[in-house]
Amino acid sequence: MNRKDQAAEINQLLQGKPAEEVITWFLKDFNGKVALSTSLGAEDQALTYMISQVDKTADVFTLDTGRLFPETYDLIDLTSKKYGISIRVMFPDAARVEAMVNEKGINLFYDSIENRKLCCHIRKIEPLKRAFSGLDAWICGLRREQSVTRKDMQLVEWDENNGLIKVNPLIDWTEEHLWAYLKSNFIPYNKLHDAGFPSIGCQPCTRAVMPGEDVRAGRWWWENPETKECGLHKKG
């Protein structure tokens, strides 16, 4: 069976299962070959908690782009200490960042979609590829409700771009379900969520949203909704 068919089979097997059960299944069956990619957002904090209850040695990593909010750095430290886990931090290649900034400017991402995607590629995609080395599957906190670009994603799917099985345990969770889970389990979350930031990325590319706005409206707000992904979750 090829890996794409394997992903489809696992998706059918785990369809409708609680997120905790999905997490446990992958940590057991993909032992040492699966990791959580966390941006320290609310969804990822829920997943980090679930993983810490099963295996504190499981691979949890984050991407430090060099442009994150101070609150995000504080949360990395707090989460690691609270759950007794090690969050692996991946950095972009310094020479690549220097060359990009010196050629196109410190805030190049505001000038064009091409520049913004280049910045995301160097600061996120390249270190993500290194983080994936040796893995067969990755876990992330996507929810269909978050964005028009995510409405067709499955619980378990084949990630053609990265050659990995991709696991979305919270894919069917609502915003209400997520926050009820965080609060009932006393899970720490980014303080910016209380200041109107439902989705938090790099500081220059994230703003608070107004009541009633889409949860992703504060990410790359100068672009059209259809382009507002950094490439981490790009389809085939």
Protein backbone atom coordinates (compact mmCIF):
# COMPACT_ATOMS: atom_id res chain seq x y z
CA MET A 1 0.00 0.00 0.00
CA ASN A 2 1.36 3.42 -0.90
CA ARG A 3 1.46 6.22 1.66
CA LYS A 4 -1.42 8.16 0.10
CA ASP A 5 -3.70 5.11 0.30
CA GLN A 6 -2.49 4.49 3.85
CA ALA A 7 -3.56 8.01 4.84
CA ALA A 8 -7.01 7.45 3.33
CA GLU A 9 -7.35 4.13 5.17
CA ILE A 10 -6.34 5.67 8.51
CA ASN A 11 -8.74 8.56 7.90
CA GLN A 12 -11.58 6.09 7.49
CA LEU A 13 -10.46 4.11 10.55
CA LEU A 14 -10.33 7.16 12.84
CA GLN A 15 -13.26 9.12 11.41
CA GLY A 16 -15.46 10.42 14.20
CA LYS A 17 -13.01 9.46 16.96
CA PRO A 18 -12.25 11.99 19.73
CA ALA A 19 -9.11 14.07 19.22
CA GLU A 20 -7.46 12.44 22.24
CA GLU A 21 -7.97 9.00 20.71
CA VAL A 22 -6.53 10.15 17.37
CA ILE A 23 -3.47 11.56 19.14
CA THR A 24 -2.95 8.38 21.17
CA TRP A 25 -3.28 6.17 18.07
CA PHE A 26 -0.62 8.11 16.16
CA LEU A 27 1.81 8.35 19.08
CA LYS A 28 1.59 4.57 19.46
CA ASP A 29 1.48 3.42 15.82
CA PHE A 30 3.94 6.03 14.49
CA ASN A 31 6.21 5.86 17.54
CA GLY A 32 9.14 8.26 17.04
CA LYS A 33 8.01 9.08 13.51
CA VAL A 34 5.32 11.66 14.26
CA ALA A 35 5.56 15.22 15.60
CA LEU A 36 3.30 18.10 16.52
CA SER A 37 4.06 21.33 14.69
CA THR A 38 2.90 24.06 17.07
CA SER A 39 2.58 27.79 16.52
CA LEU A 40 1.45 28.13 20.16
CA GLY A 41 -2.05 29.11 19.03
CA ALA A 42 -5.13 28.00 20.98
CA GLU A 43 -5.57 24.83 18.89
CA ASP A 44 -1.93 23.83 19.23
CA GLN A 45 -2.04 24.41 22.98
CA ALA A 46 -4.94 21.97 23.24
CA LEU A 47 -2.98 19.41 21.21
CA THR A 48 0.18 19.95 23.25
CA TYR A 49 -1.81 19.25 26.41
CA MET A 50 -3.26 16.05 24.92
CA ILE A 51 0.17 14.84 23.84
CA SER A 52 1.72 15.63 27.23
CA GLN A 53 -0.88 13.40 28.89
CA VAL A 54 0.19 10.44 26.72
CA ASP A 55 3.95 10.86 26.18
CA LYS A 56 6.04 13.73 27.53
CA THR A 57 8.94 12.69 25.28
CA ALA A 58 6.92 13.02 22.07
CA ASP A 59 8.33 15.38 19.43
CA VAL A 60 6.78 18.86 19.64
CA PHE A 61 8.43 21.60 17.60
CA THR A 62 7.83 25.23 16.73
CA LEU A 63 9.18 27.64 14.13
CA ASP A 64 10.86 30.78 15.45
CA THR A 65 10.76 33.15 12.47
CA GLY A 66 12.54 35.92 14.36
CA ARG A 67 9.44 38.14 14.08
CA LEU A 68 7.17 36.58 16.71
CA PHE A 69 5.30 38.44 19.45
CA PRO A 70 6.92 38.57 22.93
CA GLU A 71 3.77 36.88 24.26
CA THR A 72 4.48 33.88 22.03
CA TYR A 73 7.99 33.47 23.41
CA ASP A 74 6.62 33.69 26.96
CA LEU A 75 4.12 30.95 26.16
CA ILE A 76 6.81 28.61 24.80
CA ASP A 77 8.59 28.87 28.14
CA LEU A 78 5.43 28.56 30.25
CA THR A 79 4.10 25.56 28.31
CA SER A 80 7.41 23.69 28.45
CA LYS A 81 7.65 24.12 32.20
CA LYS A 82 3.99 23.42 32.98
CA TYR A 83 3.92 20.07 31.17
CA GLY A 84 7.54 19.04 31.64
CA ILE A 85 8.15 18.78 27.91
CA SER A 86 10.80 20.04 25.52
CA ILE A 87 9.55 22.14 22.61
CA ARG A 88 12.08 21.88 19.80
CA VAL A 89 12.70 25.33 18.27
CA MET A 90 13.57 25.57 14.58
CA PHE A 91 15.20 28.73 13.20
CA PRO A 92 15.55 29.99 9.61
CA ASP A 93 18.93 30.03 7.92
CA ALA A 94 20.57 33.31 8.98
CA ALA A 95 22.36 33.87 5.67
CA ARG A 96 19.11 33.41 3.72
CA VAL A 97 17.28 35.90 5.95
CA GLU A 98 20.11 38.45 5.70
CA ALA A 99 20.23 38.24 1.91
CA MET A 100 16.45 38.62 1.61
CA VAL A 101 16.21 41.59 3.96
CA ASN A 102 19.23 43.38 2.47
CA GLU A 103 17.85 42.98 -1.04
CA LYS A 104 14.15 43.63 -0.46
CA GLY A 105 13.87 45.50 2.85
CA ILE A 106 13.04 44.66 6.44
CA ASN A 107 9.26 44.75 5.85
CA LEU A 108 9.26 43.40 2.30
CA PHE A 109 6.05 41.42 2.86
CA TYR A 110 3.88 44.56 2.61
CA ASP A 111 5.13 45.33 -0.90
CA SER A 112 3.74 42.31 -2.76
CA ILE A 113 2.26 38.86 -2.32
CA GLU A 114 5.40 37.47 -3.95
CA ASN A 115 7.60 39.12 -1.33
CA ARG A 116 5.35 37.94 1.48
CA LYS A 117 5.45 34.37 0.22
CA LEU A 118 9.23 34.56 -0.13
CA CYS A 119 9.52 35.70 3.48
CA CYS A 120 7.22 32.90 4.66
CA HIS A 121 9.22 30.40 2.62
CA ILE A 122 12.56 31.36 4.10
CA ARG A 123 11.39 31.91 7.66
CA LYS A 124 8.86 29.03 7.87
CA ILE A 125 8.87 26.51 5.03
CA GLU A 126 12.63 25.86 4.91
CA PRO A 127 13.00 25.24 8.68
CA LEU A 128 9.79 23.18 8.59
CA LYS A 129 11.36 20.87 5.98
CA ARG A 130 14.33 20.35 8.31
CA ALA A 131 12.01 19.67 11.25
CA PHE A 132 10.28 16.97 9.19
CA SER A 133 13.48 15.00 8.63
CA GLY A 134 12.96 11.37 9.68
CA LEU A 135 9.20 11.72 10.22
CA ASP A 136 6.34 9.79 8.62
CA ALA A 137 3.48 11.97 9.93
CA TRP A 138 2.82 15.41 11.38
CA ILE A 139 0.07 16.66 13.67
CA CYS A 140 -1.33 20.17 13.41
CA GLY A 141 -4.22 22.21 14.78
CA LEU A 142 -6.22 23.02 11.67
CA ARG A 143 -9.99 23.44 11.89
CA ARG A 144 -12.33 23.69 8.90
CA GLU A 145 -14.10 26.61 10.57
CA GLN A 146 -10.94 28.74 10.47
CA SER A 147 -10.72 29.65 6.80
CA VAL A 148 -12.11 29.17 3.30
CA THR A 149 -8.74 27.64 2.40
CA ARG A 150 -9.30 24.84 4.94
CA LYS A 151 -12.90 23.79 4.33
CA ASP A 152 -11.99 20.65 2.35
CA MET A 153 -9.29 19.31 4.67
CA GLN A 154 -9.69 15.87 6.24
CA LEU A 155 -8.95 14.38 9.66
CA VAL A 156 -6.07 12.38 8.17
CA GLU A 157 -4.77 13.19 4.69
CA TRP A 158 -1.76 12.81 2.46
CA ASP A 159 0.48 15.89 2.39
CA GLU A 160 1.95 15.71 -1.11
CA ASN A 161 4.20 18.75 -0.64
CA ASN A 162 6.00 17.31 2.35
CA GLY A 163 5.66 13.59 1.62
CA LEU A 164 4.03 12.95 5.00
CA ILE A 165 0.73 11.85 6.47
CA LYS A 166 -0.94 14.91 7.95
CA VAL A 167 -3.15 14.62 11.03
CA ASN A 168 -5.76 17.25 11.93
CA PRO A 169 -7.33 15.99 15.20
CA LEU A 170 -9.36 19.19 15.72
CA ILE A 171 -10.62 19.47 12.14
CA ASP A 172 -14.31 19.39 13.16
CA TRP A 173 -13.99 21.38 16.38
CA THR A 174 -15.85 24.67 16.70
CA GLU A 175 -14.44 27.78 18.34
CA GLU A 176 -16.77 27.20 21.29
CA HIS A 177 -15.62 23.60 21.74
CA LEU A 178 -11.98 24.66 21.61
CA TRP A 179 -12.26 27.34 24.28
CA ALA A 180 -14.40 25.20 26.55
CA TYR A 181 -11.68 22.53 26.36
CA LEU A 182 -8.88 24.99 27.13
CA LYS A 183 -10.66 26.45 30.13
CA SER A 184 -11.88 23.14 31.58
CA ASN A 185 -8.33 21.76 31.48
CA PHE A 186 -6.63 25.00 32.65
CA ILE A 187 -4.47 25.07 29.52
CA PRO A 188 -2.30 28.20 29.16
CA TYR A 189 -2.87 30.23 26.01
CA ASN A 190 -1.45 33.30 24.33
CA LYS A 191 -2.57 36.49 26.11
CA LEU A 192 -3.13 38.11 22.73
CA HIS A 193 -6.24 35.95 22.27
CA ASP A 194 -7.90 38.08 24.97
CA ALA A 195 -6.96 41.23 23.04
CA GLY A 196 -8.81 40.31 19.85
CA PHE A 197 -6.19 38.12 18.15
CA PRO A 198 -7.89 34.80 17.25
CA SER A 199 -5.01 33.79 14.95
CA ILE A 200 -1.44 34.70 15.84
CA GLY A 201 1.62 34.53 13.61
CA CYS A 202 4.49 36.92 13.04
CA GLN A 203 4.05 40.32 14.68
CA PRO A 204 4.20 42.48 11.50
CA CYS A 205 1.69 40.26 9.70
CA THR A 206 -0.90 39.86 12.47
CA ARG A 207 -3.45 42.33 13.80
CA ALA A 208 -6.49 42.16 16.07
CA VAL A 209 -9.87 41.62 14.41
CA MET A 210 -13.15 43.40 14.92
CA PRO A 211 -16.20 41.59 16.38
CA GLY A 212 -17.86 39.57 13.64
CA GLU A 213 -14.79 39.43 11.41
CA ASP A 214 -13.47 36.09 10.15
CA VAL A 215 -11.01 34.46 12.58
CA ARG A 216 -8.26 34.69 9.95
CA ALA A 217 -9.00 38.32 9.03
CA GLY A 218 -6.06 39.54 11.09
CA ARG A 219 -3.48 37.49 9.18
CA TRP A 220 -1.99 39.22 6.10
CA TRP A 221 -5.06 41.48 6.16
CA TRP A 222 -3.91 43.36 3.04
CA GLU A 223 -4.38 40.23 0.87
CA ASN A 224 -7.41 38.42 -0.54
CA PRO A 225 -8.78 35.55 1.61
CA GLU A 226 -7.84 32.99 -1.06
CA THR A 227 -4.11 33.80 -0.80
CA LYS A 228 -3.88 33.97 2.99
CA GLU A 229 -1.78 30.89 3.72
CA CYS A 230 1.97 30.89 4.33
CA GLY A 231 2.48 27.64 2.46
CA LEU A 232 2.63 25.33 5.48
CA HIS A 233 -0.75 23.91 4.55
CA LYS A 234 -0.68 24.24 0.80
CA LYS A 235 -2.45 21.50 -1.11
CA GLY A 236 -0.49 19.38 -3.62
